[in-house]
Amino acid sequence: MSGKTWTFLLLFLVSVALGVGIGEWFYELFLKAVPPMAQSQFNNQASRMYHWAYGAGVGVVMFAWALIGIAVNKLTSMGSKSAAKA
């Protein structure tokens, strides 16, 4: 695989891992906000999975934004090179 492929793969994995970390952080906030009497073991585990899934989704969105940023950077650098030639 080329270096670009490894870079994008690493960017994707880091984005998703960061997103899952954000989901775990929100889960900890959820545990602090909801009183223990209102929680069951099932709700705790289901909520953790939903928070992780939410975090993974946030990671994918961060990856998409990074790809958009890379594309915009390439387009603007191409435009400045063609303007410099003229």
C-alpha atoms as a PDB file:
ATOM      1  CA  MET A   1       0.000   0.000   0.000  1.00  0.00           C
ATOM      2  CA  SER A   2       1.122   3.512  -0.674  1.00  0.00           C
ATOM      3  CA  GLY A   3       1.957   6.109   1.935  1.00  0.00           C
ATOM      4  CA  LYS A   4      -1.268   7.993   1.195  1.00  0.00           C
ATOM      5  CA  THR A   5      -3.354   4.919   1.940  1.00  0.00           C
ATOM      6  CA  TRP A   6      -1.613   4.396   5.276  1.00  0.00           C
ATOM      7  CA  THR A   7      -2.092   8.071   6.123  1.00  0.00           C
ATOM      8  CA  PHE A   8      -5.823   7.962   5.411  1.00  0.00           C
ATOM      9  CA  LEU A   9      -6.196   4.683   7.282  1.00  0.00           C
ATOM     10  CA  LEU A  10      -4.372   6.108  10.289  1.00  0.00           C
ATOM     11  CA  LEU A  11      -6.465   9.291  10.110  1.00  0.00           C
ATOM     12  CA  PHE A  12      -9.643   7.185  10.047  1.00  0.00           C
ATOM     13  CA  LEU A  13      -8.590   5.001  12.986  1.00  0.00           C
ATOM     14  CA  VAL A  14      -7.513   7.977  15.094  1.00  0.00           C
ATOM     15  CA  SER A  15     -10.745   9.832  14.296  1.00  0.00           C
ATOM     16  CA  VAL A  16     -12.926   6.877  15.282  1.00  0.00           C
ATOM     17  CA  ALA A  17     -10.871   6.215  18.433  1.00  0.00           C
ATOM     18  CA  LEU A  18     -11.194   9.867  19.421  1.00  0.00           C
ATOM     19  CA  GLY A  19     -14.928   9.691  18.730  1.00  0.00           C
ATOM     20  CA  VAL A  20     -15.340   6.582  20.898  1.00  0.00           C
ATOM     21  CA  GLY A  21     -13.404   8.415  23.630  1.00  0.00           C
ATOM     22  CA  ILE A  22     -15.884  11.280  23.345  1.00  0.00           C
ATOM     23  CA  GLY A  23     -18.740   8.766  23.598  1.00  0.00           C
ATOM     24  CA  GLU A  24     -17.196   7.271  26.739  1.00  0.00           C
ATOM     25  CA  TRP A  25     -16.844  10.749  28.214  1.00  0.00           C
ATOM     26  CA  PHE A  26     -20.538  11.436  27.524  1.00  0.00           C
ATOM     27  CA  TYR A  27     -21.391   8.087  29.116  1.00  0.00           C
ATOM     28  CA  GLU A  28     -19.556   9.135  32.291  1.00  0.00           C
ATOM     29  CA  LEU A  29     -21.519  12.413  32.259  1.00  0.00           C
ATOM     30  CA  PHE A  30     -24.706  10.361  31.859  1.00  0.00           C
ATOM     31  CA  LEU A  31     -23.831   8.264  34.921  1.00  0.00           C
ATOM     32  CA  LYS A  32     -23.254  11.405  36.967  1.00  0.00           C
ATOM     33  CA  ALA A  33     -26.472  13.073  35.778  1.00  0.00           C
ATOM     34  CA  VAL A  34     -28.923  10.176  36.224  1.00  0.00           C
ATOM     35  CA  PRO A  35     -29.635   9.141  39.809  1.00  0.00           C
ATOM     36  CA  PRO A  36     -28.711   5.527  40.693  1.00  0.00           C
ATOM     37  CA  MET A  37     -32.325   4.708  41.611  1.00  0.00           C
ATOM     38  CA  ALA A  38     -33.388   5.438  38.029  1.00  0.00           C
ATOM     39  CA  GLN A  39     -30.785   3.141  36.485  1.00  0.00           C
ATOM     40  CA  SER A  40     -30.823  -0.582  35.909  1.00  0.00           C
ATOM     41  CA  GLN A  41     -27.956  -2.789  34.813  1.00  0.00           C
ATOM     42  CA  PHE A  42     -29.565  -3.191  31.397  1.00  0.00           C
ATOM     43  CA  ASN A  43     -29.932   0.578  30.968  1.00  0.00           C
ATOM     44  CA  ASN A  44     -26.312   1.131  31.953  1.00  0.00           C
ATOM     45  CA  GLN A  45     -24.956  -1.391  29.460  1.00  0.00           C
ATOM     46  CA  ALA A  46     -27.309  -0.378  26.646  1.00  0.00           C
ATOM     47  CA  SER A  47     -26.494   3.261  27.243  1.00  0.00           C
ATOM     48  CA  ARG A  48     -22.757   2.541  27.098  1.00  0.00           C
ATOM     49  CA  MET A  49     -23.155   0.810  23.721  1.00  0.00           C
ATOM     50  CA  TYR A  50     -25.252   3.674  22.357  1.00  0.00           C
ATOM     51  CA  HIS A  51     -22.737   6.235  23.598  1.00  0.00           C
ATOM     52  CA  TRP A  52     -19.879   4.294  21.952  1.00  0.00           C
ATOM     53  CA  ALA A  53     -21.858   4.049  18.701  1.00  0.00           C
ATOM     54  CA  TYR A  54     -22.585   7.773  18.876  1.00  0.00           C
ATOM     55  CA  GLY A  55     -18.887   8.410  19.442  1.00  0.00           C
ATOM     56  CA  ALA A  56     -17.921   6.219  16.485  1.00  0.00           C
ATOM     57  CA  GLY A  57     -20.349   8.224  14.349  1.00  0.00           C
ATOM     58  CA  VAL A  58     -18.746  11.434  15.558  1.00  0.00           C
ATOM     59  CA  GLY A  59     -15.370   9.950  14.614  1.00  0.00           C
ATOM     60  CA  VAL A  60     -16.566   9.188  11.086  1.00  0.00           C
ATOM     61  CA  VAL A  61     -17.866  12.754  10.770  1.00  0.00           C
ATOM     62  CA  MET A  62     -14.499  14.103  11.977  1.00  0.00           C
ATOM     63  CA  PHE A  63     -12.791  11.920   9.339  1.00  0.00           C
ATOM     64  CA  ALA A  64     -15.116  13.295   6.642  1.00  0.00           C
ATOM     65  CA  TRP A  65     -14.364  16.877   7.728  1.00  0.00           C
ATOM     66  CA  ALA A  66     -10.648  16.129   7.597  1.00  0.00           C
ATOM     67  CA  LEU A  67     -11.013  14.766   4.055  1.00  0.00           C
ATOM     68  CA  ILE A  68     -12.950  17.874   3.032  1.00  0.00           C
ATOM     69  CA  GLY A  69     -10.198  20.027   4.534  1.00  0.00           C
ATOM     70  CA  ILE A  70      -7.532  18.093   2.628  1.00  0.00           C
ATOM     71  CA  ALA A  71      -9.485  18.467  -0.636  1.00  0.00           C
ATOM     72  CA  VAL A  72     -10.007  22.208  -0.131  1.00  0.00           C
ATOM     73  CA  ASN A  73      -6.322  22.632   0.659  1.00  0.00           C
ATOM     74  CA  LYS A  74      -5.344  20.836  -2.553  1.00  0.00           C
ATOM     75  CA  LEU A  75      -7.776  22.909  -4.618  1.00  0.00           C
ATOM     76  CA  THR A  76      -6.554  26.203  -3.187  1.00  0.00           C
ATOM     77  CA  SER A  77      -2.900  25.235  -3.603  1.00  0.00           C
ATOM     78  CA  MET A  78      -3.577  24.252  -7.222  1.00  0.00           C
ATOM     79  CA  GLY A  79      -5.273  27.607  -7.781  1.00  0.00           C
ATOM     80  CA  SER A  80      -2.368  29.565  -6.319  1.00  0.00           C
ATOM     81  CA  LYS A  81       0.141  27.623  -8.475  1.00  0.00           C
ATOM     82  CA  SER A  82      -1.787  28.385 -11.666  1.00  0.00           C
ATOM     83  CA  ALA A  83      -2.112  32.051 -10.676  1.00  0.00           C
ATOM     84  CA  ALA A  84       1.638  32.233 -10.062  1.00  0.00           C
ATOM     85  CA  LYS A  85       2.352  30.835 -13.549  1.00  0.00           C
ATOM     86  CA  ALA A  86       0.197  33.473 -15.251  1.00  0.00           C
END
